[in-house]
Amino acid sequence: MKPIFHPMPVNGPFGDPGVYVDFLFEKRAILFDLGDIRALPPRKMLRLSDVFVTHAHMDHFMGFDWLLRICLGRERTLRMFGPPGFLAQVEHKLAAYTWNLVENYATDFTLEVTEALPDGSTRWARFRCKGAFRREAEQVQEWRDGVLLDEEAFFVRGVLLDHKTPCLAFSLEEKGHVNVWKNRLIELGLPTGRWLSELKRAALSGQPDEALFRVWWRDRDGVHERWMPLGNLETSVLRMAPGQKVAYVADTVYHEENAARIVALVRGADHLFIEAAFLDLHLQRAAAKAHLTARQAGTLARLAGVREVTPFHFSPLYHGQEAALRAELEQAFGRAPA
């Protein structure tokens, strides 16, 4: 089955961090980090449903204004997620502009913003164009198991790391692939149809095996239906496979607590995007600037058992030495000889 998530870096490894994740079969995408996003054409930005910001250093957040400019005047809602203080940071950016004419707009572009707090809660608020982007409907919710966004087919988990300021790392996780055995459908005398999508959703939702499920279809003779135990149908015609996982780690100092949180978050990822700012030769400089070395990044990827790793956020110190950073990461990851 084709992977549903198609991640790609927004910029080259020396540019501002960011990963754009397109969704197969859906007119949507999500974005990790919001620095310089000029490489993204407007049509791609308008696919965004959710933006996840690690922290508000300029190279991770300066693209907010450009994204706002593209979305303004459109009837859509964009969700944003960030670390402690993120609500105020979004609010202050919006307050830098004058909105005295927005009540005349036919559309009401809306931002729904969530900040993750160290006490295990999240704070949420809404900013509407027609409300002159004032903070509205603020509420505090429990942050369960690190999950920031939970949808039918996937969820996004976050964890706070230390970058001398709280900084989020993220994992995007598909809840599971469900494949259909078409030959078994034929054996049972069942047609394909919309009911199979409903069956997949029921299987992923964890309903009890004994629950009755409606198999229905329409032909020239009208609508037909059969009621069958969900567990029997799942066993007979469905094949469950692990879902896809994409992880994103940027801007963090290497110490025991950070390392443990990163490994737990990204464990088993199909693709890990991770910063590798310095060579291990400059270990002390990396620690002083609260960034990872390429060796540390590769080690974390190996400990987490990820399948593929892409380094980014290389320090400009290494222009012309990109191969050295990649080689150091690959050696620590286990793909190159010592």
C-alpha atoms as a PDB file:
ATOM      1  CA  MET A   1       0.000   0.000   0.000  1.00  0.00           C
ATOM      2  CA  LYS A   2       1.306   3.449  -0.878  1.00  0.00           C
ATOM      3  CA  PRO A   3       2.456   5.620   2.060  1.00  0.00           C
ATOM      4  CA  ILE A   4      -0.057   8.312   2.956  1.00  0.00           C
ATOM      5  CA  PHE A   5       2.526  10.870   4.158  1.00  0.00           C
ATOM      6  CA  HIS A   6       4.958  12.441   1.708  1.00  0.00           C
ATOM      7  CA  PRO A   7       7.433  14.607   3.657  1.00  0.00           C
ATOM      8  CA  MET A   8       9.947  16.940   2.060  1.00  0.00           C
ATOM      9  CA  PRO A   9      12.308  19.592   3.491  1.00  0.00           C
ATOM     10  CA  VAL A  10      11.228  23.134   2.691  1.00  0.00           C
ATOM     11  CA  ASN A  11      14.826  24.328   2.278  1.00  0.00           C
ATOM     12  CA  GLY A  12      18.296  22.893   1.842  1.00  0.00           C
ATOM     13  CA  PRO A  13      20.277  21.715   4.900  1.00  0.00           C
ATOM     14  CA  PHE A  14      21.823  25.170   5.454  1.00  0.00           C
ATOM     15  CA  GLY A  15      18.477  26.978   5.147  1.00  0.00           C
ATOM     16  CA  ASP A  16      15.774  27.564   7.732  1.00  0.00           C
ATOM     17  CA  PRO A  17      14.359  24.315   9.148  1.00  0.00           C
ATOM     18  CA  GLY A  18      11.004  23.051   7.975  1.00  0.00           C
ATOM     19  CA  VAL A  19       9.344  19.913   6.624  1.00  0.00           C
ATOM     20  CA  TYR A  20       6.216  20.001   4.462  1.00  0.00           C
ATOM     21  CA  VAL A  21       4.137  16.810   4.614  1.00  0.00           C
ATOM     22  CA  ASP A  22       1.675  16.247   1.784  1.00  0.00           C
ATOM     23  CA  PHE A  23      -1.169  13.754   2.276  1.00  0.00           C
ATOM     24  CA  LEU A  24      -1.894  11.195  -0.419  1.00  0.00           C
ATOM     25  CA  PHE A  25      -5.534  11.157  -1.596  1.00  0.00           C
ATOM     26  CA  GLU A  26      -6.335  14.349   0.359  1.00  0.00           C
ATOM     27  CA  LYS A  27      -6.163  18.016  -0.568  1.00  0.00           C
ATOM     28  CA  ARG A  28      -4.254  18.861   2.591  1.00  0.00           C
ATOM     29  CA  ALA A  29      -0.805  19.052   4.083  1.00  0.00           C
ATOM     30  CA  ILE A  30       0.859  19.907   7.382  1.00  0.00           C
ATOM     31  CA  LEU A  31       4.031  21.848   8.091  1.00  0.00           C
ATOM     32  CA  PHE A  32       6.686  21.427  10.757  1.00  0.00           C
ATOM     33  CA  ASP A  33       8.263  24.828  11.524  1.00  0.00           C
ATOM     34  CA  LEU A  34       7.562  28.166   9.953  1.00  0.00           C
ATOM     35  CA  GLY A  35      10.824  29.920   9.097  1.00  0.00           C
ATOM     36  CA  ASP A  36      11.664  31.058   5.576  1.00  0.00           C
ATOM     37  CA  ILE A  37       8.903  29.387   3.516  1.00  0.00           C
ATOM     38  CA  ARG A  38       9.351  31.346   0.281  1.00  0.00           C
ATOM     39  CA  ALA A  39      10.276  28.099  -1.476  1.00  0.00           C
ATOM     40  CA  LEU A  40       6.680  26.912  -1.002  1.00  0.00           C
ATOM     41  CA  PRO A  41       4.330  28.142  -3.747  1.00  0.00           C
ATOM     42  CA  PRO A  42       0.998  29.595  -2.579  1.00  0.00           C
ATOM     43  CA  ARG A  43      -0.923  26.543  -3.848  1.00  0.00           C
ATOM     44  CA  LYS A  44       1.044  24.377  -1.405  1.00  0.00           C
ATOM     45  CA  MET A  45       0.573  26.793   1.470  1.00  0.00           C
ATOM     46  CA  LEU A  46      -3.167  26.810   0.828  1.00  0.00           C
ATOM     47  CA  ARG A  47      -3.219  23.029   1.318  1.00  0.00           C
ATOM     48  CA  LEU A  48      -2.045  23.450   4.920  1.00  0.00           C
ATOM     49  CA  SER A  49      -4.516  22.451   7.606  1.00  0.00           C
ATOM     50  CA  ASP A  50      -2.061  22.435  10.514  1.00  0.00           C
ATOM     51  CA  VAL A  51       1.280  24.049  11.335  1.00  0.00           C
ATOM     52  CA  PHE A  52       3.500  22.752  14.164  1.00  0.00           C
ATOM     53  CA  VAL A  53       6.130  25.206  15.423  1.00  0.00           C
ATOM     54  CA  THR A  54       8.997  23.962  17.583  1.00  0.00           C
ATOM     55  CA  HIS A  55       9.760  27.389  19.088  1.00  0.00           C
ATOM     56  CA  ALA A  56       9.650  31.037  18.108  1.00  0.00           C
ATOM     57  CA  HIS A  57      13.272  31.748  17.209  1.00  0.00           C
ATOM     58  CA  MET A  58      13.206  33.763  13.986  1.00  0.00           C
ATOM     59  CA  ASP A  59      14.449  30.952  11.749  1.00  0.00           C
ATOM     60  CA  HIS A  60      11.521  28.816  12.895  1.00  0.00           C
ATOM     61  CA  PHE A  61       8.731  31.415  12.939  1.00  0.00           C
ATOM     62  CA  MET A  62       9.416  34.317  10.561  1.00  0.00           C
ATOM     63  CA  GLY A  63       7.241  32.722   7.866  1.00  0.00           C
ATOM     64  CA  PHE A  64       4.099  33.379   9.892  1.00  0.00           C
ATOM     65  CA  ASP A  65       3.561  36.758   8.220  1.00  0.00           C
ATOM     66  CA  TRP A  66       3.889  35.373   4.708  1.00  0.00           C
ATOM     67  CA  LEU A  67       1.506  32.498   5.449  1.00  0.00           C
ATOM     68  CA  LEU A  68      -0.977  34.965   6.946  1.00  0.00           C
ATOM     69  CA  ARG A  69      -0.741  37.127   3.823  1.00  0.00           C
ATOM     70  CA  ILE A  70      -1.525  34.146   1.564  1.00  0.00           C
ATOM     71  CA  CYS A  71      -4.476  32.959   3.667  1.00  0.00           C
ATOM     72  CA  LEU A  72      -6.060  36.338   4.428  1.00  0.00           C
ATOM     73  CA  GLY A  73      -9.305  36.914   2.581  1.00  0.00           C
ATOM     74  CA  ARG A  74     -10.114  33.214   2.307  1.00  0.00           C
ATOM     75  CA  GLU A  75     -12.812  31.265   4.115  1.00  0.00           C
ATOM     76  CA  ARG A  76     -10.678  28.735   5.926  1.00  0.00           C
ATOM     77  CA  THR A  77      -9.375  27.707   9.335  1.00  0.00           C
ATOM     78  CA  LEU A  78      -5.730  27.017  10.049  1.00  0.00           C
ATOM     79  CA  ARG A  79      -4.651  25.254  13.240  1.00  0.00           C
ATOM     80  CA  MET A  80      -1.293  26.080  14.803  1.00  0.00           C
ATOM     81  CA  PHE A  81       0.595  24.391  17.639  1.00  0.00           C
ATOM     82  CA  GLY A  82       3.600  25.620  19.584  1.00  0.00           C
ATOM     83  CA  PRO A  83       5.452  25.650  22.933  1.00  0.00           C
ATOM     84  CA  PRO A  84       4.698  27.644  26.113  1.00  0.00           C
ATOM     85  CA  GLY A  85       4.061  31.300  25.319  1.00  0.00           C
ATOM     86  CA  PHE A  86       2.999  30.557  21.739  1.00  0.00           C
ATOM     87  CA  LEU A  87      -0.471  32.073  22.081  1.00  0.00           C
ATOM     88  CA  ALA A  88       0.991  35.412  23.104  1.00  0.00           C
ATOM     89  CA  GLN A  89       3.579  35.267  20.325  1.00  0.00           C
ATOM     90  CA  VAL A  90       0.897  34.718  17.676  1.00  0.00           C
ATOM     91  CA  GLU A  91      -1.261  37.390  19.284  1.00  0.00           C
ATOM     92  CA  HIS A  92       1.564  39.933  19.225  1.00  0.00           C
ATOM     93  CA  LYS A  93       2.360  39.240  15.575  1.00  0.00           C
ATOM     94  CA  LEU A  94      -1.284  39.788  14.670  1.00  0.00           C
ATOM     95  CA  ALA A  95      -1.456  42.931  16.805  1.00  0.00           C
ATOM     96  CA  ALA A  96       1.371  44.487  14.773  1.00  0.00           C
ATOM     97  CA  TYR A  97      -1.092  45.090  11.917  1.00  0.00           C
ATOM     98  CA  THR A  98      -4.121  47.369  11.617  1.00  0.00           C
ATOM     99  CA  TRP A  99      -7.416  45.548  11.062  1.00  0.00           C
ATOM    100  CA  ASN A 100      -9.924  48.392  10.941  1.00  0.00           C
ATOM    101  CA  LEU A 101     -11.506  47.319   7.620  1.00  0.00           C
ATOM    102  CA  VAL A 102     -11.796  43.565   8.067  1.00  0.00           C
ATOM    103  CA  GLU A 103     -15.485  43.714   9.008  1.00  0.00           C
ATOM    104  CA  ASN A 104     -16.092  44.378   5.304  1.00  0.00           C
ATOM    105  CA  TYR A 105     -14.508  41.093   4.247  1.00  0.00           C
ATOM    106  CA  ALA A 106     -16.890  38.462   2.878  1.00  0.00           C
ATOM    107  CA  THR A 107     -14.704  35.721   4.403  1.00  0.00           C
ATOM    108  CA  ASP A 108     -13.542  35.018   7.935  1.00  0.00           C
ATOM    109  CA  PHE A 109     -10.076  33.460   7.947  1.00  0.00           C
ATOM    110  CA  THR A 110      -9.542  31.919  11.397  1.00  0.00           C
ATOM    111  CA  LEU A 111      -6.520  30.763  13.344  1.00  0.00           C
ATOM    112  CA  GLU A 112      -6.978  28.146  16.085  1.00  0.00           C
ATOM    113  CA  VAL A 113      -3.843  28.185  18.207  1.00  0.00           C
ATOM    114  CA  THR A 114      -2.700  25.676  20.840  1.00  0.00           C
ATOM    115  CA  GLU A 115       0.295  25.977  23.140  1.00  0.00           C
ATOM    116  CA  ALA A 116       1.688  22.987  25.023  1.00  0.00           C
ATOM    117  CA  LEU A 117       2.496  23.633  28.670  1.00  0.00           C
ATOM    118  CA  PRO A 118       5.032  21.887  30.942  1.00  0.00           C
ATOM    119  CA  ASP A 119       2.342  21.041  33.517  1.00  0.00           C
ATOM    120  CA  GLY A 120       0.705  18.543  31.159  1.00  0.00           C
ATOM    121  CA  SER A 121      -2.009  20.846  29.836  1.00  0.00           C
ATOM    122  CA  THR A 122      -2.591  22.829  26.666  1.00  0.00           C
ATOM    123  CA  ARG A 123      -4.038  26.301  26.228  1.00  0.00           C
ATOM    124  CA  TRP A 124      -6.201  26.987  23.154  1.00  0.00           C
ATOM    125  CA  ALA A 125      -7.658  30.162  21.672  1.00  0.00           C
ATOM    126  CA  ARG A 126      -9.169  31.400  18.423  1.00  0.00           C
ATOM    127  CA  PHE A 127      -8.266  34.473  16.343  1.00  0.00           C
ATOM    128  CA  ARG A 128     -10.841  35.488  13.684  1.00  0.00           C
ATOM    129  CA  CYS A 129     -10.303  37.952  10.879  1.00  0.00           C
ATOM    130  CA  LYS A 130     -13.745  39.510  11.394  1.00  0.00           C
ATOM    131  CA  GLY A 131     -12.930  39.858  15.085  1.00  0.00           C
ATOM    132  CA  ALA A 132      -9.822  41.874  14.165  1.00  0.00           C
ATOM    133  CA  PHE A 133      -7.803  38.859  15.283  1.00  0.00           C
ATOM    134  CA  ARG A 134      -8.508  39.413  18.981  1.00  0.00           C
ATOM    135  CA  ARG A 135      -8.018  36.397  21.234  1.00  0.00           C
ATOM    136  CA  GLU A 136     -11.324  34.571  21.735  1.00  0.00           C
ATOM    137  CA  ALA A 137     -12.798  31.546  23.540  1.00  0.00           C
ATOM    138  CA  GLU A 138      -9.601  30.713  25.434  1.00  0.00           C
ATOM    139  CA  GLN A 139      -9.647  27.372  27.252  1.00  0.00           C
ATOM    140  CA  VAL A 140      -7.260  25.008  29.031  1.00  0.00           C
ATOM    141  CA  GLN A 141      -7.335  21.298  28.268  1.00  0.00           C
ATOM    142  CA  GLU A 142      -5.485  18.190  29.398  1.00  0.00           C
ATOM    143  CA  TRP A 143      -2.524  17.190  27.215  1.00  0.00           C
ATOM    144  CA  ARG A 144      -2.944  13.396  27.138  1.00  0.00           C
ATOM    145  CA  ASP A 145      -0.005  11.180  26.176  1.00  0.00           C
ATOM    146  CA  GLY A 146       1.599  14.101  24.357  1.00  0.00           C
ATOM    147  CA  VAL A 147      -1.088  14.034  21.638  1.00  0.00           C
ATOM    148  CA  LEU A 148      -1.660  17.495  20.178  1.00  0.00           C
ATOM    149  CA  LEU A 149      -3.899  16.516  17.260  1.00  0.00           C
ATOM    150  CA  ASP A 150      -5.998  13.358  17.022  1.00  0.00           C
ATOM    151  CA  GLU A 151      -7.871  12.573  13.810  1.00  0.00           C
ATOM    152  CA  GLU A 152      -9.537   9.499  12.405  1.00  0.00           C
ATOM    153  CA  ALA A 153      -6.533   8.256  10.424  1.00  0.00           C
ATOM    154  CA  PHE A 154      -3.552   9.756  12.259  1.00  0.00           C
ATOM    155  CA  PHE A 155      -2.346  11.724  15.259  1.00  0.00           C
ATOM    156  CA  VAL A 156       0.489  14.127  16.022  1.00  0.00           C
ATOM    157  CA  ARG A 157       2.387  13.754  19.261  1.00  0.00           C
ATOM    158  CA  GLY A 158       4.700  16.365  20.767  1.00  0.00           C
ATOM    159  CA  VAL A 159       7.276  16.467  23.517  1.00  0.00           C
ATOM    160  CA  LEU A 160       8.991  19.464  25.119  1.00  0.00           C
ATOM    161  CA  LEU A 161      12.784  19.557  24.890  1.00  0.00           C
ATOM    162  CA  ASP A 162      15.440  21.866  26.303  1.00  0.00           C
ATOM    163  CA  HIS A 163      16.964  24.434  23.919  1.00  0.00           C
ATOM    164  CA  LYS A 164      17.624  26.885  26.730  1.00  0.00           C
ATOM    165  CA  THR A 165      13.967  27.603  26.057  1.00  0.00           C
ATOM    166  CA  PRO A 166      11.147  25.054  25.731  1.00  0.00           C
ATOM    167  CA  CYS A 167      11.192  23.567  22.227  1.00  0.00           C
ATOM    168  CA  LEU A 168       8.781  20.987  20.813  1.00  0.00           C
ATOM    169  CA  ALA A 169       9.643  17.905  18.790  1.00  0.00           C
ATOM    170  CA  PHE A 170       6.903  16.086  16.865  1.00  0.00           C
ATOM    171  CA  SER A 171       5.885  12.701  15.503  1.00  0.00           C
ATOM    172  CA  LEU A 172       3.179  12.229  12.884  1.00  0.00           C
ATOM    173  CA  GLU A 173       1.731   8.728  13.188  1.00  0.00           C
ATOM    174  CA  GLU A 174      -0.778   6.938  10.998  1.00  0.00           C
ATOM    175  CA  LYS A 175      -3.139   4.811  13.074  1.00  0.00           C
ATOM    176  CA  GLY A 176      -2.778   1.834  10.758  1.00  0.00           C
ATOM    177  CA  HIS A 177      -3.116   0.627   7.211  1.00  0.00           C
ATOM    178  CA  VAL A 178      -6.186  -1.488   6.498  1.00  0.00           C
ATOM    179  CA  ASN A 179      -6.037  -3.512   3.298  1.00  0.00           C
ATOM    180  CA  VAL A 180      -8.934  -5.456   1.767  1.00  0.00           C
ATOM    181  CA  TRP A 181      -8.632  -9.052   0.529  1.00  0.00           C
ATOM    182  CA  LYS A 182     -10.763  -8.763  -2.613  1.00  0.00           C
ATOM    183  CA  ASN A 183     -10.653 -12.511  -3.331  1.00  0.00           C
ATOM    184  CA  ARG A 184     -12.211 -13.160   0.072  1.00  0.00           C
ATOM    185  CA  LEU A 185     -14.947 -10.647  -0.683  1.00  0.00           C
ATOM    186  CA  ILE A 186     -15.780 -12.711  -3.761  1.00  0.00           C
ATOM    187  CA  GLU A 187     -15.811 -15.927  -1.696  1.00  0.00           C
ATOM    188  CA  LEU A 188     -18.335 -14.336   0.685  1.00  0.00           C
ATOM    189  CA  GLY A 189     -20.440 -13.021  -2.166  1.00  0.00           C
ATOM    190  CA  LEU A 190     -19.892  -9.410  -1.128  1.00  0.00           C
ATOM    191  CA  PRO A 191     -19.372  -6.532  -3.570  1.00  0.00           C
ATOM    192  CA  THR A 192     -16.934  -3.656  -3.219  1.00  0.00           C
ATOM    193  CA  GLY A 193     -18.390  -0.255  -2.397  1.00  0.00           C
ATOM    194  CA  ARG A 194     -18.541   2.620   0.084  1.00  0.00           C
ATOM    195  CA  TRP A 195     -19.288   0.203   2.892  1.00  0.00           C
ATOM    196  CA  LEU A 196     -15.635  -0.919   2.835  1.00  0.00           C
ATOM    197  CA  SER A 197     -14.481   2.572   3.867  1.00  0.00           C
ATOM    198  CA  GLU A 198     -16.997   2.427   6.712  1.00  0.00           C
ATOM    199  CA  LEU A 199     -15.674  -1.021   7.654  1.00  0.00           C
ATOM    200  CA  LYS A 200     -12.084   0.274   7.774  1.00  0.00           C
ATOM    201  CA  ARG A 201     -13.125   3.132  10.046  1.00  0.00           C
ATOM    202  CA  ALA A 202     -15.005   0.738  12.325  1.00  0.00           C
ATOM    203  CA  ALA A 203     -11.979  -1.584  12.496  1.00  0.00           C
ATOM    204  CA  LEU A 204      -9.649   1.273  13.464  1.00  0.00           C
ATOM    205  CA  SER A 205     -12.081   2.662  16.045  1.00  0.00           C
ATOM    206  CA  GLY A 206     -11.803  -0.401  18.285  1.00  0.00           C
ATOM    207  CA  GLN A 207     -15.458  -1.384  18.313  1.00  0.00           C
ATOM    208  CA  PRO A 208     -16.213  -4.806  19.884  1.00  0.00           C
ATOM    209  CA  ASP A 209     -16.058  -7.892  17.668  1.00  0.00           C
ATOM    210  CA  GLU A 210     -19.677  -8.792  18.408  1.00  0.00           C
ATOM    211  CA  ALA A 211     -21.005  -5.438  17.167  1.00  0.00           C
ATOM    212  CA  LEU A 212     -23.192  -5.881  14.089  1.00  0.00           C
ATOM    213  CA  PHE A 213     -21.978  -4.104  10.975  1.00  0.00           C
ATOM    214  CA  ARG A 214     -24.164  -3.151   7.995  1.00  0.00           C
ATOM    215  CA  VAL A 215     -22.830  -4.312   4.632  1.00  0.00           C
ATOM    216  CA  TRP A 216     -24.756  -2.466   1.969  1.00  0.00           C
ATOM    217  CA  TRP A 217     -24.612  -1.795  -1.729  1.00  0.00           C
ATOM    218  CA  ARG A 218     -26.736  -0.394  -4.512  1.00  0.00           C
ATOM    219  CA  ASP A 219     -27.410  -1.869  -7.937  1.00  0.00           C
ATOM    220  CA  ARG A 220     -30.136  -1.652 -10.599  1.00  0.00           C
ATOM    221  CA  ASP A 221     -32.512  -3.527  -8.286  1.00  0.00           C
ATOM    222  CA  GLY A 222     -32.101  -1.016  -5.455  1.00  0.00           C
ATOM    223  CA  VAL A 223     -30.283  -1.013  -2.118  1.00  0.00           C
ATOM    224  CA  HIS A 224     -29.251  -4.310  -0.499  1.00  0.00           C
ATOM    225  CA  GLU A 225     -27.904  -4.954   2.972  1.00  0.00           C
ATOM    226  CA  ARG A 226     -26.530  -7.706   5.205  1.00  0.00           C
ATOM    227  CA  TRP A 227     -25.730  -7.447   8.899  1.00  0.00           C
ATOM    228  CA  MET A 228     -22.603  -9.318  10.009  1.00  0.00           C
ATOM    229  CA  PRO A 229     -20.497  -9.407  13.208  1.00  0.00           C
ATOM    230  CA  LEU A 230     -17.695  -6.861  12.887  1.00  0.00           C
ATOM    231  CA  GLY A 231     -15.065  -9.285  14.186  1.00  0.00           C
ATOM    232  CA  ASN A 232     -15.931 -11.884  11.559  1.00  0.00           C
ATOM    233  CA  LEU A 233     -15.692  -9.335   8.774  1.00  0.00           C
ATOM    234  CA  GLU A 234     -12.351  -8.002  10.009  1.00  0.00           C
ATOM    235  CA  THR A 235     -10.877 -11.512  10.178  1.00  0.00           C
ATOM    236  CA  SER A 236     -12.298 -12.524   6.813  1.00  0.00           C
ATOM    237  CA  VAL A 237     -11.646  -9.574   4.527  1.00  0.00           C
ATOM    238  CA  LEU A 238      -9.239  -7.129   6.215  1.00  0.00           C
ATOM    239  CA  ARG A 239      -5.507  -7.172   6.752  1.00  0.00           C
ATOM    240  CA  MET A 240      -4.111  -4.774   9.334  1.00  0.00           C
ATOM    241  CA  ALA A 241      -0.629  -3.332   8.850  1.00  0.00           C
ATOM    242  CA  PRO A 242       1.364  -0.876  10.977  1.00  0.00           C
ATOM    243  CA  GLY A 243       0.889   2.757  10.037  1.00  0.00           C
ATOM    244  CA  GLN A 244       3.506   5.174   8.755  1.00  0.00           C
ATOM    245  CA  LYS A 245       5.458   7.384  11.166  1.00  0.00           C
ATOM    246  CA  VAL A 246       7.349  10.606  10.403  1.00  0.00           C
ATOM    247  CA  ALA A 247       9.286  12.411  13.164  1.00  0.00           C
ATOM    248  CA  TYR A 248      10.798  15.892  13.368  1.00  0.00           C
ATOM    249  CA  VAL A 249      13.419  17.061  15.889  1.00  0.00           C
ATOM    250  CA  ALA A 250      14.992  20.518  15.730  1.00  0.00           C
ATOM    251  CA  ASP A 251      17.112  22.691  18.022  1.00  0.00           C
ATOM    252  CA  THR A 252      17.917  20.847  21.203  1.00  0.00           C
ATOM    253  CA  VAL A 253      20.921  20.392  23.453  1.00  0.00           C
ATOM    254  CA  TYR A 254      22.233  16.876  24.023  1.00  0.00           C
ATOM    255  CA  HIS A 255      21.787  15.680  27.593  1.00  0.00           C
ATOM    256  CA  GLU A 256      20.320  12.593  29.209  1.00  0.00           C
ATOM    257  CA  GLU A 257      16.763  13.857  29.660  1.00  0.00           C
ATOM    258  CA  ASN A 258      16.503  15.284  26.134  1.00  0.00           C
ATOM    259  CA  ALA A 259      17.991  12.130  24.626  1.00  0.00           C
ATOM    260  CA  ALA A 260      15.499   9.898  26.457  1.00  0.00           C
ATOM    261  CA  ARG A 261      12.544  12.029  25.350  1.00  0.00           C
ATOM    262  CA  ILE A 262      13.687  12.085  21.734  1.00  0.00           C
ATOM    263  CA  VAL A 263      14.254   8.330  21.547  1.00  0.00           C
ATOM    264  CA  ALA A 264      10.842   7.622  23.091  1.00  0.00           C
ATOM    265  CA  LEU A 265       9.083  10.020  20.694  1.00  0.00           C
ATOM    266  CA  VAL A 266      10.717   8.912  17.424  1.00  0.00           C
ATOM    267  CA  ARG A 267      11.108   5.194  18.160  1.00  0.00           C
ATOM    268  CA  GLY A 268      10.452   3.078  15.072  1.00  0.00           C
ATOM    269  CA  ALA A 269       9.875   6.062  12.770  1.00  0.00           C
ATOM    270  CA  ASP A 270       9.933   5.363   9.056  1.00  0.00           C
ATOM    271  CA  HIS A 271      11.575   8.741   8.484  1.00  0.00           C
ATOM    272  CA  LEU A 272      13.263  10.988  11.044  1.00  0.00           C
ATOM    273  CA  PHE A 273      14.196  14.576  10.204  1.00  0.00           C
ATOM    274  CA  ILE A 274      16.699  15.755  12.800  1.00  0.00           C
ATOM    275  CA  GLU A 275      19.007  18.706  13.196  1.00  0.00           C
ATOM    276  CA  ALA A 276      22.751  18.071  12.945  1.00  0.00           C
ATOM    277  CA  ALA A 277      24.188  21.530  13.344  1.00  0.00           C
ATOM    278  CA  PHE A 278      27.832  20.772  14.203  1.00  0.00           C
ATOM    279  CA  LEU A 279      30.558  18.199  13.773  1.00  0.00           C
ATOM    280  CA  ASP A 280      31.552  16.355  16.922  1.00  0.00           C
ATOM    281  CA  LEU A 281      34.886  18.148  16.593  1.00  0.00           C
ATOM    282  CA  HIS A 282      33.018  21.218  17.872  1.00  0.00           C
ATOM    283  CA  LEU A 283      31.132  19.440  20.659  1.00  0.00           C
ATOM    284  CA  GLN A 284      31.553  22.247  23.189  1.00  0.00           C
ATOM    285  CA  ARG A 285      30.350  24.852  20.719  1.00  0.00           C
ATOM    286  CA  ALA A 286      27.275  22.733  19.995  1.00  0.00           C
ATOM    287  CA  ALA A 287      26.518  22.455  23.715  1.00  0.00           C
ATOM    288  CA  ALA A 288      26.971  26.201  24.237  1.00  0.00           C
ATOM    289  CA  LYS A 289      24.514  26.924  21.417  1.00  0.00           C
ATOM    290  CA  ALA A 290      22.143  24.141  22.565  1.00  0.00           C
ATOM    291  CA  HIS A 291      22.296  22.191  19.293  1.00  0.00           C
ATOM    292  CA  LEU A 292      23.070  18.599  18.322  1.00  0.00           C
ATOM    293  CA  THR A 293      26.179  17.375  16.575  1.00  0.00           C
ATOM    294  CA  ALA A 294      25.858  15.065  13.585  1.00  0.00           C
ATOM    295  CA  ARG A 295      27.196  12.183  15.673  1.00  0.00           C
ATOM    296  CA  GLN A 296      24.650  12.822  18.422  1.00  0.00           C
ATOM    297  CA  ALA A 297      21.836  12.976  15.853  1.00  0.00           C
ATOM    298  CA  GLY A 298      22.942   9.707  14.261  1.00  0.00           C
ATOM    299  CA  THR A 299      23.257   8.032  17.651  1.00  0.00           C
ATOM    300  CA  LEU A 300      19.722   9.064  18.638  1.00  0.00           C
ATOM    301  CA  ALA A 301      18.379   7.757  15.325  1.00  0.00           C
ATOM    302  CA  ARG A 302      20.139   4.412  15.855  1.00  0.00           C
ATOM    303  CA  LEU A 303      18.923   4.069  19.460  1.00  0.00           C
ATOM    304  CA  ALA A 304      15.368   4.797  18.329  1.00  0.00           C
ATOM    305  CA  GLY A 305      15.525   2.195  15.558  1.00  0.00           C
ATOM    306  CA  VAL A 306      14.345   4.541  12.825  1.00  0.00           C
ATOM    307  CA  ARG A 307      14.423   3.328   9.205  1.00  0.00           C
ATOM    308  CA  GLU A 308      15.610   6.483   7.469  1.00  0.00           C
ATOM    309  CA  VAL A 309      17.152   9.699   8.779  1.00  0.00           C
ATOM    310  CA  THR A 310      17.550  13.073   7.085  1.00  0.00           C
ATOM    311  CA  PRO A 311      19.777  15.666   8.788  1.00  0.00           C
ATOM    312  CA  PHE A 312      19.185  19.410   8.428  1.00  0.00           C
ATOM    313  CA  HIS A 313      19.942  22.789  10.039  1.00  0.00           C
ATOM    314  CA  PHE A 314      23.689  22.637   9.300  1.00  0.00           C
ATOM    315  CA  SER A 315      25.682  25.509  10.775  1.00  0.00           C
ATOM    316  CA  PRO A 316      27.008  27.980   8.169  1.00  0.00           C
ATOM    317  CA  LEU A 317      30.401  27.190   9.685  1.00  0.00           C
ATOM    318  CA  TYR A 318      30.417  24.096   7.443  1.00  0.00           C
ATOM    319  CA  HIS A 319      29.647  25.531   4.021  1.00  0.00           C
ATOM    320  CA  GLY A 320      31.581  23.312   1.651  1.00  0.00           C
ATOM    321  CA  GLN A 321      31.729  20.509   4.261  1.00  0.00           C
ATOM    322  CA  GLU A 322      28.201  19.107   3.953  1.00  0.00           C
ATOM    323  CA  ALA A 323      29.599  15.655   3.128  1.00  0.00           C
ATOM    324  CA  ALA A 324      31.519  15.562   6.424  1.00  0.00           C
ATOM    325  CA  LEU A 325      28.352  16.228   8.448  1.00  0.00           C
ATOM    326  CA  ARG A 326      26.423  13.560   6.564  1.00  0.00           C
ATOM    327  CA  ALA A 327      29.240  11.029   6.908  1.00  0.00           C
ATOM    328  CA  GLU A 328      29.498  11.585  10.659  1.00  0.00           C
ATOM    329  CA  LEU A 329      25.752  11.089  11.090  1.00  0.00           C
ATOM    330  CA  GLU A 330      25.688   7.965   8.900  1.00  0.00           C
ATOM    331  CA  GLN A 331      28.593   6.426  10.810  1.00  0.00           C
ATOM    332  CA  ALA A 332      26.844   6.945  14.147  1.00  0.00           C
ATOM    333  CA  PHE A 333      23.586   5.690  12.644  1.00  0.00           C
ATOM    334  CA  GLY A 334      25.347   2.529  11.485  1.00  0.00           C
ATOM    335  CA  ARG A 335      25.378   2.874   7.712  1.00  0.00           C
ATOM    336  CA  ALA A 336      29.068   3.636   7.246  1.00  0.00           C
ATOM    337  CA  PRO A 337      32.180   1.817   8.408  1.00  0.00           C
ATOM    338  CA  ALA A 338      33.888   3.100  11.556  1.00  0.00           C
END
